Amino acid sequence: MQDTVIDNPLEATVGMTTAKDKDIVGKEARAIRPCTFRQPEKLANDRLTALAELHAGFARSLSHTLAAYLRVSCEVTLTSTEQLIYGAFLAQAPALTYMMCILVDHNTPVAVQIDPSLVFPLVDILLGGGGRCDVLSREVSEIEEEIMAEVGTITCRELEHTWKAMGARLELEARKPAAAMQRLLPPAENVLCMKFKVRLAETDGMFNVVLPVSLSNTLLRSLSAQAAYRTPRVADRTREQLSATMLDCSFRVELGIPAIKVAIKNLMHLVPQSICNLGVPVKKPASLLIAGREIFDATPARHGRLRVAQLGRNTMLSNEKASH
């Protein structure tokens, strides 16, 4: 039996222990994950879905309101919802941008950031142009700021209506310079950033709405209590706006007897003072046609020097009941 000679027993022992420790540490290292304590606490997927549905309705309402105000085609869509810290949002915002502040109940600030690619076309449209202009690498002037203030007021009003479940009062402050917006919220504040795309007649651009996560939680609690985030609420409002708009629309109204058929040979021999047999009894009432559809039975009459129709049975309603 051969003996093993160890020159330095302590070194050998340390070496064996180190190898074993390295193996243990290696196994534990595989289970270690990096942690960033400044990373915002993530909202659950169902809560994010509720917020996305709510603000998709805000985008549709803002589309209608801006289109009526600007008198051009306008489409606003929600593109994404992102959770991050306020400092990260400021870092990714363009150096040259347009930012506003909305105060909720005179206390909680909400940031609105609009890209220059959208600001100057909006100003051009409001000044009577077509909205086609180059992106200018400069700050807006005082006059342009006054013009954009009305767009901010419309956005604030639509946002207040969208958040009506909270019963909060929203107030638009004047445009804020970049330095003031950096102090609006602490850099480590957890925020929710909603990105919207605006497509105008000649151009498109982006704007962001940034609110503290604490405010979004308050909003979600209010929505949960009143179930106000469901899309039928938005659809009801859209129908109301459509109904109000339809009141100013014009429709063709006719008084006659539809679906009369006369042989062509009878029409070929017509001359002045002759009588054309339409094959309709004299006592058969005429019909009041609105946009080509029979709505009422009607009898021709006269009111002073005007031709009028005395309405009778609702033809359309009777046909619907008969079909059921």
C-alpha atoms as a PDB file:
ATOM      1  CA  MET A   1       0.000   0.000   0.000  1.00  0.00           C
ATOM      2  CA  GLN A   2       1.415   3.320  -1.099  1.00  0.00           C
ATOM      3  CA  ASP A   3       1.178   6.444   1.034  1.00  0.00           C
ATOM      4  CA  THR A   4       0.215   9.746  -0.465  1.00  0.00           C
ATOM      5  CA  VAL A   5       2.521  12.566   0.512  1.00  0.00           C
ATOM      6  CA  ILE A   6       0.919  15.955   1.043  1.00  0.00           C
ATOM      7  CA  ASP A   7       3.336  18.838   1.163  1.00  0.00           C
ATOM      8  CA  ASN A   8       0.790  21.322   2.586  1.00  0.00           C
ATOM      9  CA  PRO A   9      -2.163  19.640   4.306  1.00  0.00           C
ATOM     10  CA  LEU A  10      -3.914  22.959   5.044  1.00  0.00           C
ATOM     11  CA  GLU A  11      -3.777  24.069   1.421  1.00  0.00           C
ATOM     12  CA  ALA A  12      -5.155  20.733   0.233  1.00  0.00           C
ATOM     13  CA  THR A  13      -8.010  20.922   2.729  1.00  0.00           C
ATOM     14  CA  VAL A  14      -8.875  24.466   1.683  1.00  0.00           C
ATOM     15  CA  GLY A  15      -8.700  23.459  -1.954  1.00  0.00           C
ATOM     16  CA  MET A  16     -11.148  20.580  -1.461  1.00  0.00           C
ATOM     17  CA  THR A  17     -13.508  22.741   0.539  1.00  0.00           C
ATOM     18  CA  THR A  18     -13.381  25.504  -2.047  1.00  0.00           C
ATOM     19  CA  ALA A  19     -14.221  23.107  -4.859  1.00  0.00           C
ATOM     20  CA  LYS A  20     -17.203  21.761  -2.941  1.00  0.00           C
ATOM     21  CA  ASP A  21     -18.369  25.278  -2.064  1.00  0.00           C
ATOM     22  CA  LYS A  22     -18.043  26.356  -5.673  1.00  0.00           C
ATOM     23  CA  ASP A  23     -20.280  23.488  -6.738  1.00  0.00           C
ATOM     24  CA  ILE A  24     -22.904  24.456  -4.148  1.00  0.00           C
ATOM     25  CA  VAL A  25     -22.731  28.157  -5.055  1.00  0.00           C
ATOM     26  CA  GLY A  26     -23.042  27.274  -8.746  1.00  0.00           C
ATOM     27  CA  LYS A  27     -26.253  25.337  -8.085  1.00  0.00           C
ATOM     28  CA  GLU A  28     -27.701  28.189  -6.026  1.00  0.00           C
ATOM     29  CA  ALA A  29     -26.658  30.826  -8.577  1.00  0.00           C
ATOM     30  CA  ARG A  30     -28.900  29.253 -11.172  1.00  0.00           C
ATOM     31  CA  ALA A  31     -31.931  30.093  -9.015  1.00  0.00           C
ATOM     32  CA  ILE A  32     -30.964  33.736  -8.454  1.00  0.00           C
ATOM     33  CA  ARG A  33     -32.813  36.408 -10.440  1.00  0.00           C
ATOM     34  CA  PRO A  34     -31.860  40.103 -10.596  1.00  0.00           C
ATOM     35  CA  CYS A  35     -34.256  42.448  -8.840  1.00  0.00           C
ATOM     36  CA  THR A  36     -34.789  46.156  -9.488  1.00  0.00           C
ATOM     37  CA  PHE A  37     -36.585  47.714  -6.552  1.00  0.00           C
ATOM     38  CA  ARG A  38     -37.543  50.765  -8.589  1.00  0.00           C
ATOM     39  CA  GLN A  39     -39.474  48.660 -11.072  1.00  0.00           C
ATOM     40  CA  PRO A  40     -43.182  49.533 -10.715  1.00  0.00           C
ATOM     41  CA  GLU A  41     -45.553  47.016  -9.239  1.00  0.00           C
ATOM     42  CA  LYS A  42     -47.386  45.423 -12.151  1.00  0.00           C
ATOM     43  CA  LEU A  43     -51.143  45.676 -12.419  1.00  0.00           C
ATOM     44  CA  ALA A  44     -52.958  42.412 -13.050  1.00  0.00           C
ATOM     45  CA  ASN A  45     -53.890  41.634 -16.646  1.00  0.00           C
ATOM     46  CA  ASP A  46     -57.630  41.890 -15.999  1.00  0.00           C
ATOM     47  CA  ARG A  47     -57.171  45.369 -14.503  1.00  0.00           C
ATOM     48  CA  LEU A  48     -55.104  46.467 -17.479  1.00  0.00           C
ATOM     49  CA  THR A  49     -57.791  45.107 -19.808  1.00  0.00           C
ATOM     50  CA  ALA A  50     -60.440  47.144 -17.986  1.00  0.00           C
ATOM     51  CA  LEU A  51     -58.344  50.312 -18.312  1.00  0.00           C
ATOM     52  CA  ALA A  52     -57.671  49.594 -21.992  1.00  0.00           C
ATOM     53  CA  GLU A  53     -61.396  49.147 -22.716  1.00  0.00           C
ATOM     54  CA  LEU A  54     -62.222  52.348 -20.867  1.00  0.00           C
ATOM     55  CA  HIS A  55     -59.654  54.460 -22.700  1.00  0.00           C
ATOM     56  CA  ALA A  56     -60.439  52.902 -26.068  1.00  0.00           C
ATOM     57  CA  GLY A  57     -63.860  54.456 -25.553  1.00  0.00           C
ATOM     58  CA  PHE A  58     -62.166  57.746 -24.651  1.00  0.00           C
ATOM     59  CA  ALA A  59     -60.273  57.573 -27.964  1.00  0.00           C
ATOM     60  CA  ARG A  60     -63.497  57.056 -29.940  1.00  0.00           C
ATOM     61  CA  SER A  61     -65.256  59.957 -28.195  1.00  0.00           C
ATOM     62  CA  LEU A  62     -62.239  62.211 -28.722  1.00  0.00           C
ATOM     63  CA  SER A  63     -62.240  61.270 -32.426  1.00  0.00           C
ATOM     64  CA  HIS A  64     -65.822  62.511 -32.867  1.00  0.00           C
ATOM     65  CA  THR A  65     -65.295  65.688 -30.848  1.00  0.00           C
ATOM     66  CA  LEU A  66     -62.038  66.690 -32.566  1.00  0.00           C
ATOM     67  CA  ALA A  67     -63.465  65.920 -36.022  1.00  0.00           C
ATOM     68  CA  ALA A  68     -66.413  68.240 -35.324  1.00  0.00           C
ATOM     69  CA  TYR A  69     -64.142  70.960 -33.908  1.00  0.00           C
ATOM     70  CA  LEU A  70     -61.447  70.767 -36.586  1.00  0.00           C
ATOM     71  CA  ARG A  71     -63.911  70.044 -39.440  1.00  0.00           C
ATOM     72  CA  VAL A  72     -61.579  67.407 -40.878  1.00  0.00           C
ATOM     73  CA  SER A  73     -61.473  63.640 -40.625  1.00  0.00           C
ATOM     74  CA  CYS A  74     -59.873  62.571 -37.353  1.00  0.00           C
ATOM     75  CA  GLU A  75     -59.259  59.127 -35.887  1.00  0.00           C
ATOM     76  CA  VAL A  76     -57.813  58.542 -32.409  1.00  0.00           C
ATOM     77  CA  THR A  77     -56.845  55.018 -31.360  1.00  0.00           C
ATOM     78  CA  LEU A  78     -55.265  53.569 -28.223  1.00  0.00           C
ATOM     79  CA  THR A  79     -52.071  51.764 -29.269  1.00  0.00           C
ATOM     80  CA  SER A  80     -50.560  50.574 -25.974  1.00  0.00           C
ATOM     81  CA  THR A  81     -50.667  50.760 -22.184  1.00  0.00           C
ATOM     82  CA  GLU A  82     -47.304  50.641 -20.388  1.00  0.00           C
ATOM     83  CA  GLN A  83     -46.305  50.635 -16.725  1.00  0.00           C
ATOM     84  CA  LEU A  84     -43.034  52.314 -15.810  1.00  0.00           C
ATOM     85  CA  ILE A  85     -41.550  54.965 -13.534  1.00  0.00           C
ATOM     86  CA  TYR A  86     -41.975  58.637 -14.322  1.00  0.00           C
ATOM     87  CA  GLY A  87     -38.238  59.165 -14.777  1.00  0.00           C
ATOM     88  CA  ALA A  88     -38.174  56.466 -17.482  1.00  0.00           C
ATOM     89  CA  PHE A  89     -41.066  58.154 -19.284  1.00  0.00           C
ATOM     90  CA  LEU A  90     -39.230  61.500 -19.277  1.00  0.00           C
ATOM     91  CA  ALA A  91     -36.096  59.790 -20.564  1.00  0.00           C
ATOM     92  CA  GLN A  92     -37.878  58.324 -23.582  1.00  0.00           C
ATOM     93  CA  ALA A  93     -39.826  61.496 -24.403  1.00  0.00           C
ATOM     94  CA  PRO A  94     -38.454  63.618 -27.290  1.00  0.00           C
ATOM     95  CA  ALA A  95     -36.200  66.518 -26.295  1.00  0.00           C
ATOM     96  CA  LEU A  96     -38.501  68.896 -28.192  1.00  0.00           C
ATOM     97  CA  THR A  97     -42.101  68.186 -27.293  1.00  0.00           C
ATOM     98  CA  TYR A  98     -45.361  69.755 -26.108  1.00  0.00           C
ATOM     99  CA  MET A  99     -46.509  68.893 -22.589  1.00  0.00           C
ATOM    100  CA  MET A 100     -49.540  69.895 -20.547  1.00  0.00           C
ATOM    101  CA  CYS A 101     -50.696  69.172 -17.012  1.00  0.00           C
ATOM    102  CA  ILE A 102     -54.217  68.192 -15.951  1.00  0.00           C
ATOM    103  CA  LEU A 103     -55.052  68.409 -12.249  1.00  0.00           C
ATOM    104  CA  VAL A 104     -57.532  65.901 -10.833  1.00  0.00           C
ATOM    105  CA  ASP A 105     -59.494  67.485  -7.973  1.00  0.00           C
ATOM    106  CA  HIS A 106     -56.856  70.259  -7.730  1.00  0.00           C
ATOM    107  CA  ASN A 107     -54.394  67.721  -6.347  1.00  0.00           C
ATOM    108  CA  THR A 108     -53.242  64.779  -8.477  1.00  0.00           C
ATOM    109  CA  PRO A 109     -51.343  65.729 -11.660  1.00  0.00           C
ATOM    110  CA  VAL A 110     -51.772  63.941 -14.994  1.00  0.00           C
ATOM    111  CA  ALA A 111     -49.258  64.618 -17.764  1.00  0.00           C
ATOM    112  CA  VAL A 112     -50.231  64.921 -21.448  1.00  0.00           C
ATOM    113  CA  GLN A 113     -47.374  64.843 -23.963  1.00  0.00           C
ATOM    114  CA  ILE A 114     -47.968  65.606 -27.669  1.00  0.00           C
ATOM    115  CA  ASP A 115     -45.394  65.021 -30.386  1.00  0.00           C
ATOM    116  CA  PRO A 116     -44.401  68.049 -32.539  1.00  0.00           C
ATOM    117  CA  SER A 117     -45.403  66.002 -35.600  1.00  0.00           C
ATOM    118  CA  LEU A 118     -48.983  66.447 -34.396  1.00  0.00           C
ATOM    119  CA  VAL A 119     -48.852  69.914 -32.826  1.00  0.00           C
ATOM    120  CA  PHE A 120     -47.944  71.959 -35.896  1.00  0.00           C
ATOM    121  CA  PRO A 121     -50.450  70.248 -38.256  1.00  0.00           C
ATOM    122  CA  LEU A 122     -53.158  70.906 -35.640  1.00  0.00           C
ATOM    123  CA  VAL A 123     -52.188  74.579 -35.518  1.00  0.00           C
ATOM    124  CA  ASP A 124     -52.172  74.720 -39.325  1.00  0.00           C
ATOM    125  CA  ILE A 125     -55.698  73.244 -39.509  1.00  0.00           C
ATOM    126  CA  LEU A 126     -57.020  75.650 -36.872  1.00  0.00           C
ATOM    127  CA  LEU A 127     -55.553  78.543 -38.867  1.00  0.00           C
ATOM    128  CA  GLY A 128     -57.400  77.400 -42.011  1.00  0.00           C
ATOM    129  CA  GLY A 129     -54.760  75.180 -43.614  1.00  0.00           C
ATOM    130  CA  GLY A 130     -54.918  71.570 -44.647  1.00  0.00           C
ATOM    131  CA  GLY A 131     -52.666  70.208 -41.918  1.00  0.00           C
ATOM    132  CA  ARG A 132     -49.811  69.360 -44.240  1.00  0.00           C
ATOM    133  CA  CYS A 133     -46.607  70.901 -42.960  1.00  0.00           C
ATOM    134  CA  ASP A 134     -43.065  69.882 -42.160  1.00  0.00           C
ATOM    135  CA  VAL A 135     -42.111  68.960 -38.614  1.00  0.00           C
ATOM    136  CA  LEU A 136     -40.573  72.121 -37.183  1.00  0.00           C
ATOM    137  CA  SER A 137     -37.550  71.820 -34.895  1.00  0.00           C
ATOM    138  CA  ARG A 138     -38.528  74.670 -32.594  1.00  0.00           C
ATOM    139  CA  GLU A 139     -40.745  75.440 -29.630  1.00  0.00           C
ATOM    140  CA  VAL A 140     -44.284  76.676 -30.224  1.00  0.00           C
ATOM    141  CA  SER A 141     -44.887  80.415 -30.130  1.00  0.00           C
ATOM    142  CA  GLU A 142     -47.255  82.142 -27.698  1.00  0.00           C
ATOM    143  CA  ILE A 143     -49.922  82.426 -30.408  1.00  0.00           C
ATOM    144  CA  GLU A 144     -49.591  78.737 -31.296  1.00  0.00           C
ATOM    145  CA  GLU A 145     -49.790  77.894 -27.600  1.00  0.00           C
ATOM    146  CA  GLU A 146     -53.083  79.805 -27.302  1.00  0.00           C
ATOM    147  CA  ILE A 147     -54.451  77.943 -30.334  1.00  0.00           C
ATOM    148  CA  MET A 148     -53.450  74.567 -28.902  1.00  0.00           C
ATOM    149  CA  ALA A 149     -55.073  75.389 -25.556  1.00  0.00           C
ATOM    150  CA  GLU A 150     -58.535  74.639 -26.963  1.00  0.00           C
ATOM    151  CA  VAL A 151     -57.382  71.187 -28.105  1.00  0.00           C
ATOM    152  CA  GLY A 152     -56.125  70.590 -24.565  1.00  0.00           C
ATOM    153  CA  THR A 153     -59.467  71.741 -23.137  1.00  0.00           C
ATOM    154  CA  ILE A 154     -61.350  69.293 -25.377  1.00  0.00           C
ATOM    155  CA  THR A 155     -59.024  66.462 -24.311  1.00  0.00           C
ATOM    156  CA  CYS A 156     -59.477  67.361 -20.651  1.00  0.00           C
ATOM    157  CA  ARG A 157     -63.277  67.475 -21.013  1.00  0.00           C
ATOM    158  CA  GLU A 158     -63.433  64.075 -22.740  1.00  0.00           C
ATOM    159  CA  LEU A 159     -61.119  62.574 -20.114  1.00  0.00           C
ATOM    160  CA  GLU A 160     -63.318  63.931 -17.322  1.00  0.00           C
ATOM    161  CA  HIS A 161     -66.355  62.317 -18.930  1.00  0.00           C
ATOM    162  CA  THR A 162     -64.459  59.020 -19.265  1.00  0.00           C
ATOM    163  CA  TRP A 163     -63.490  59.130 -15.579  1.00  0.00           C
ATOM    164  CA  LYS A 164     -66.926  60.219 -14.378  1.00  0.00           C
ATOM    165  CA  ALA A 165     -67.155  57.066 -12.224  1.00  0.00           C
ATOM    166  CA  MET A 166     -64.682  58.742  -9.833  1.00  0.00           C
ATOM    167  CA  GLY A 167     -66.774  61.897  -9.693  1.00  0.00           C
ATOM    168  CA  ALA A 168     -63.546  63.863 -10.061  1.00  0.00           C
ATOM    169  CA  ARG A 169     -63.108  67.382 -11.382  1.00  0.00           C
ATOM    170  CA  LEU A 170     -60.403  67.801 -14.032  1.00  0.00           C
ATOM    171  CA  GLU A 171     -58.779  71.165 -14.698  1.00  0.00           C
ATOM    172  CA  LEU A 172     -56.339  71.937 -17.505  1.00  0.00           C
ATOM    173  CA  GLU A 173     -53.316  74.001 -16.548  1.00  0.00           C
ATOM    174  CA  ALA A 174     -51.301  76.015 -19.035  1.00  0.00           C
ATOM    175  CA  ARG A 175     -48.593  74.361 -21.118  1.00  0.00           C
ATOM    176  CA  LYS A 176     -45.624  73.400 -18.959  1.00  0.00           C
ATOM    177  CA  PRO A 177     -41.955  73.743 -19.964  1.00  0.00           C
ATOM    178  CA  ALA A 178     -39.772  70.656 -19.820  1.00  0.00           C
ATOM    179  CA  ALA A 179     -38.189  71.643 -16.483  1.00  0.00           C
ATOM    180  CA  ALA A 180     -41.599  72.022 -14.818  1.00  0.00           C
ATOM    181  CA  MET A 181     -42.795  68.654 -16.158  1.00  0.00           C
ATOM    182  CA  GLN A 182     -39.717  66.981 -14.654  1.00  0.00           C
ATOM    183  CA  ARG A 183     -40.856  68.211 -11.242  1.00  0.00           C
ATOM    184  CA  LEU A 184     -44.480  67.251 -11.809  1.00  0.00           C
ATOM    185  CA  LEU A 185     -44.005  63.818 -10.215  1.00  0.00           C
ATOM    186  CA  PRO A 186     -41.095  62.173  -8.361  1.00  0.00           C
ATOM    187  CA  PRO A 187     -38.777  60.362 -10.813  1.00  0.00           C
ATOM    188  CA  ALA A 188     -39.391  57.031  -9.026  1.00  0.00           C
ATOM    189  CA  GLU A 189     -43.202  57.431  -9.081  1.00  0.00           C
ATOM    190  CA  ASN A 190     -44.994  54.436 -10.621  1.00  0.00           C
ATOM    191  CA  VAL A 191     -47.069  55.652 -13.569  1.00  0.00           C
ATOM    192  CA  LEU A 192     -49.317  54.273 -16.270  1.00  0.00           C
ATOM    193  CA  CYS A 193     -48.530  55.577 -19.763  1.00  0.00           C
ATOM    194  CA  MET A 194     -51.261  55.279 -22.405  1.00  0.00           C
ATOM    195  CA  LYS A 195     -50.161  55.911 -25.972  1.00  0.00           C
ATOM    196  CA  PHE A 196     -52.647  57.204 -28.555  1.00  0.00           C
ATOM    197  CA  LYS A 197     -52.262  57.584 -32.299  1.00  0.00           C
ATOM    198  CA  VAL A 198     -54.048  60.488 -34.021  1.00  0.00           C
ATOM    199  CA  ARG A 199     -54.644  60.359 -37.759  1.00  0.00           C
ATOM    200  CA  LEU A 200     -55.710  63.656 -39.313  1.00  0.00           C
ATOM    201  CA  ALA A 201     -56.591  64.466 -42.908  1.00  0.00           C
ATOM    202  CA  GLU A 202     -52.997  65.039 -44.044  1.00  0.00           C
ATOM    203  CA  THR A 203     -50.803  63.651 -41.257  1.00  0.00           C
ATOM    204  CA  ASP A 204     -50.647  61.557 -38.104  1.00  0.00           C
ATOM    205  CA  GLY A 205     -48.837  61.672 -34.780  1.00  0.00           C
ATOM    206  CA  MET A 206     -48.790  60.398 -31.210  1.00  0.00           C
ATOM    207  CA  PHE A 207     -49.739  61.708 -27.793  1.00  0.00           C
ATOM    208  CA  ASN A 208     -49.398  60.151 -24.338  1.00  0.00           C
ATOM    209  CA  VAL A 209     -51.494  60.388 -21.191  1.00  0.00           C
ATOM    210  CA  VAL A 210     -49.468  59.628 -18.044  1.00  0.00           C
ATOM    211  CA  LEU A 211     -51.141  59.164 -14.671  1.00  0.00           C
ATOM    212  CA  PRO A 212     -49.899  57.835 -11.329  1.00  0.00           C
ATOM    213  CA  VAL A 213     -50.680  54.164 -10.681  1.00  0.00           C
ATOM    214  CA  SER A 214     -52.364  55.226  -7.444  1.00  0.00           C
ATOM    215  CA  LEU A 215     -54.877  57.242  -9.486  1.00  0.00           C
ATOM    216  CA  SER A 216     -55.478  54.309 -11.828  1.00  0.00           C
ATOM    217  CA  ASN A 217     -56.203  52.102  -8.798  1.00  0.00           C
ATOM    218  CA  THR A 218     -58.743  54.646  -7.556  1.00  0.00           C
ATOM    219  CA  LEU A 219     -60.311  54.710 -11.000  1.00  0.00           C
ATOM    220  CA  LEU A 220     -60.456  50.916 -11.134  1.00  0.00           C
ATOM    221  CA  ARG A 221     -62.155  50.721  -7.747  1.00  0.00           C
ATOM    222  CA  SER A 222     -64.782  53.198  -8.929  1.00  0.00           C
ATOM    223  CA  LEU A 223     -65.285  51.269 -12.159  1.00  0.00           C
ATOM    224  CA  SER A 224     -65.617  48.007 -10.280  1.00  0.00           C
ATOM    225  CA  ALA A 225     -68.291  49.518  -8.035  1.00  0.00           C
ATOM    226  CA  GLN A 226     -70.348  51.002 -10.876  1.00  0.00           C
ATOM    227  CA  ALA A 227     -69.367  48.647 -13.738  1.00  0.00           C
ATOM    228  CA  ALA A 228     -68.811  51.815 -15.761  1.00  0.00           C
ATOM    229  CA  TYR A 229     -65.954  50.497 -17.859  1.00  0.00           C
ATOM    230  CA  ARG A 230     -68.115  48.223 -20.010  1.00  0.00           C
ATOM    231  CA  THR A 231     -68.321  49.149 -23.695  1.00  0.00           C
ATOM    232  CA  PRO A 232     -72.166  49.494 -23.879  1.00  0.00           C
ATOM    233  CA  ARG A 233     -71.806  52.723 -21.903  1.00  0.00           C
ATOM    234  CA  VAL A 234     -69.559  54.104 -24.620  1.00  0.00           C
ATOM    235  CA  ALA A 235     -71.866  52.735 -27.308  1.00  0.00           C
ATOM    236  CA  ASP A 236     -74.874  54.429 -25.656  1.00  0.00           C
ATOM    237  CA  ARG A 237     -73.097  57.767 -25.705  1.00  0.00           C
ATOM    238  CA  THR A 238     -72.139  57.281 -29.345  1.00  0.00           C
ATOM    239  CA  ARG A 239     -75.764  56.536 -30.231  1.00  0.00           C
ATOM    240  CA  GLU A 240     -76.889  59.676 -28.395  1.00  0.00           C
ATOM    241  CA  GLN A 241     -74.412  61.794 -30.351  1.00  0.00           C
ATOM    242  CA  LEU A 242     -75.495  60.136 -33.604  1.00  0.00           C
ATOM    243  CA  SER A 243     -79.178  60.735 -32.821  1.00  0.00           C
ATOM    244  CA  ALA A 244     -78.533  64.413 -32.076  1.00  0.00           C
ATOM    245  CA  THR A 245     -76.608  64.772 -35.342  1.00  0.00           C
ATOM    246  CA  MET A 246     -79.361  63.049 -37.345  1.00  0.00           C
ATOM    247  CA  LEU A 247     -81.874  65.704 -36.242  1.00  0.00           C
ATOM    248  CA  ASP A 248     -80.175  68.183 -38.582  1.00  0.00           C
ATOM    249  CA  CYS A 249     -80.131  65.797 -41.578  1.00  0.00           C
ATOM    250  CA  SER A 250     -82.534  66.174 -44.501  1.00  0.00           C
ATOM    251  CA  PHE A 251     -84.573  63.307 -45.992  1.00  0.00           C
ATOM    252  CA  ARG A 252     -86.577  63.192 -49.189  1.00  0.00           C
ATOM    253  CA  VAL A 253     -90.343  63.047 -48.464  1.00  0.00           C
ATOM    254  CA  GLU A 254     -92.845  62.006 -51.165  1.00  0.00           C
ATOM    255  CA  LEU A 255     -96.585  61.437 -51.304  1.00  0.00           C
ATOM    256  CA  GLY A 256     -97.667  58.811 -53.808  1.00  0.00           C
ATOM    257  CA  ILE A 257     -98.697  55.265 -54.575  1.00  0.00           C
ATOM    258  CA  PRO A 258     -95.647  53.054 -55.014  1.00  0.00           C
ATOM    259  CA  ALA A 259     -95.415  49.869 -57.070  1.00  0.00           C
ATOM    260  CA  ILE A 260     -97.868  50.982 -59.791  1.00  0.00           C
ATOM    261  CA  LYS A 261     -97.477  48.960 -62.985  1.00  0.00           C
ATOM    262  CA  VAL A 262     -98.874  50.129 -66.326  1.00  0.00           C
ATOM    263  CA  ALA A 263     -98.421  48.375 -69.670  1.00  0.00           C
ATOM    264  CA  ILE A 264     -96.081  50.184 -72.042  1.00  0.00           C
ATOM    265  CA  LYS A 265     -98.673  50.035 -74.843  1.00  0.00           C
ATOM    266  CA  ASN A 266    -101.051  52.141 -72.738  1.00  0.00           C
ATOM    267  CA  LEU A 267     -98.350  54.743 -72.164  1.00  0.00           C
ATOM    268  CA  MET A 268     -97.462  54.942 -75.879  1.00  0.00           C
ATOM    269  CA  HIS A 269    -100.934  56.238 -76.820  1.00  0.00           C
ATOM    270  CA  LEU A 270    -101.131  58.953 -74.148  1.00  0.00           C
ATOM    271  CA  VAL A 271    -101.971  62.439 -75.434  1.00  0.00           C
ATOM    272  CA  PRO A 272    -102.981  65.628 -73.621  1.00  0.00           C
ATOM    273  CA  GLN A 273    -106.458  65.461 -72.077  1.00  0.00           C
ATOM    274  CA  SER A 274    -106.480  61.641 -72.200  1.00  0.00           C
ATOM    275  CA  ILE A 275    -107.004  59.494 -69.102  1.00  0.00           C
ATOM    276  CA  CYS A 276    -104.513  56.866 -67.997  1.00  0.00           C
ATOM    277  CA  ASN A 277    -105.954  53.971 -66.038  1.00  0.00           C
ATOM    278  CA  LEU A 278    -103.510  53.217 -63.220  1.00  0.00           C
ATOM    279  CA  GLY A 279    -105.491  50.221 -62.008  1.00  0.00           C
ATOM    280  CA  VAL A 280    -105.748  51.629 -58.479  1.00  0.00           C
ATOM    281  CA  PRO A 281    -109.101  52.059 -56.684  1.00  0.00           C
ATOM    282  CA  VAL A 282    -110.053  55.654 -55.971  1.00  0.00           C
ATOM    283  CA  LYS A 283    -110.509  54.965 -52.269  1.00  0.00           C
ATOM    284  CA  LYS A 284    -107.052  53.434 -51.892  1.00  0.00           C
ATOM    285  CA  PRO A 285    -104.938  55.779 -49.726  1.00  0.00           C
ATOM    286  CA  ALA A 286    -101.617  57.073 -50.899  1.00  0.00           C
ATOM    287  CA  SER A 287     -98.384  56.501 -48.984  1.00  0.00           C
ATOM    288  CA  LEU A 288     -95.989  58.897 -47.322  1.00  0.00           C
ATOM    289  CA  LEU A 289     -92.490  57.826 -48.379  1.00  0.00           C
ATOM    290  CA  ILE A 290     -89.452  58.972 -46.366  1.00  0.00           C
ATOM    291  CA  ALA A 291     -86.099  58.253 -48.008  1.00  0.00           C
ATOM    292  CA  GLY A 292     -87.903  55.825 -50.330  1.00  0.00           C
ATOM    293  CA  ARG A 293     -89.582  53.802 -47.555  1.00  0.00           C
ATOM    294  CA  GLU A 294     -93.348  53.637 -46.929  1.00  0.00           C
ATOM    295  CA  ILE A 295     -93.980  54.966 -43.427  1.00  0.00           C
ATOM    296  CA  PHE A 296     -97.660  56.003 -43.272  1.00  0.00           C
ATOM    297  CA  ASP A 297    -100.878  55.676 -45.217  1.00  0.00           C
ATOM    298  CA  ALA A 298    -101.738  59.240 -46.242  1.00  0.00           C
ATOM    299  CA  THR A 299    -104.568  61.128 -47.897  1.00  0.00           C
ATOM    300  CA  PRO A 300    -103.762  64.169 -50.069  1.00  0.00           C
ATOM    301  CA  ALA A 301    -105.229  67.388 -48.675  1.00  0.00           C
ATOM    302  CA  ARG A 302    -104.776  71.155 -48.782  1.00  0.00           C
ATOM    303  CA  HIS A 303    -103.949  73.633 -46.041  1.00  0.00           C
ATOM    304  CA  GLY A 304    -104.389  77.155 -47.403  1.00  0.00           C
ATOM    305  CA  ARG A 305    -102.116  77.359 -50.421  1.00  0.00           C
ATOM    306  CA  LEU A 306    -100.007  74.393 -49.320  1.00  0.00           C
ATOM    307  CA  ARG A 307    -100.279  70.754 -50.285  1.00  0.00           C
ATOM    308  CA  VAL A 308    -100.378  68.516 -47.233  1.00  0.00           C
ATOM    309  CA  ALA A 309    -101.016  64.883 -46.331  1.00  0.00           C
ATOM    310  CA  GLN A 310    -103.325  63.612 -43.619  1.00  0.00           C
ATOM    311  CA  LEU A 311    -101.513  60.682 -42.000  1.00  0.00           C
ATOM    312  CA  GLY A 312    -103.215  57.410 -41.221  1.00  0.00           C
ATOM    313  CA  ARG A 313    -101.940  53.939 -40.353  1.00  0.00           C
ATOM    314  CA  ASN A 314     -98.221  53.424 -39.669  1.00  0.00           C
ATOM    315  CA  THR A 315     -97.399  51.084 -42.542  1.00  0.00           C
ATOM    316  CA  MET A 316     -93.860  50.205 -41.441  1.00  0.00           C
ATOM    317  CA  LEU A 317     -94.933  49.306 -37.885  1.00  0.00           C
ATOM    318  CA  SER A 318     -97.833  47.192 -39.152  1.00  0.00           C
ATOM    319  CA  ASN A 319     -95.551  45.280 -41.514  1.00  0.00           C
ATOM    320  CA  GLU A 320     -93.063  44.569 -38.711  1.00  0.00           C
ATOM    321  CA  LYS A 321     -95.842  43.184 -36.473  1.00  0.00           C
ATOM    322  CA  ALA A 322     -97.150  41.052 -39.350  1.00  0.00           C
ATOM    323  CA  SER A 323     -93.675  39.609 -39.981  1.00  0.00           C
ATOM    324  CA  HIS A 324     -93.411  38.533 -36.325  1.00  0.00           C
END
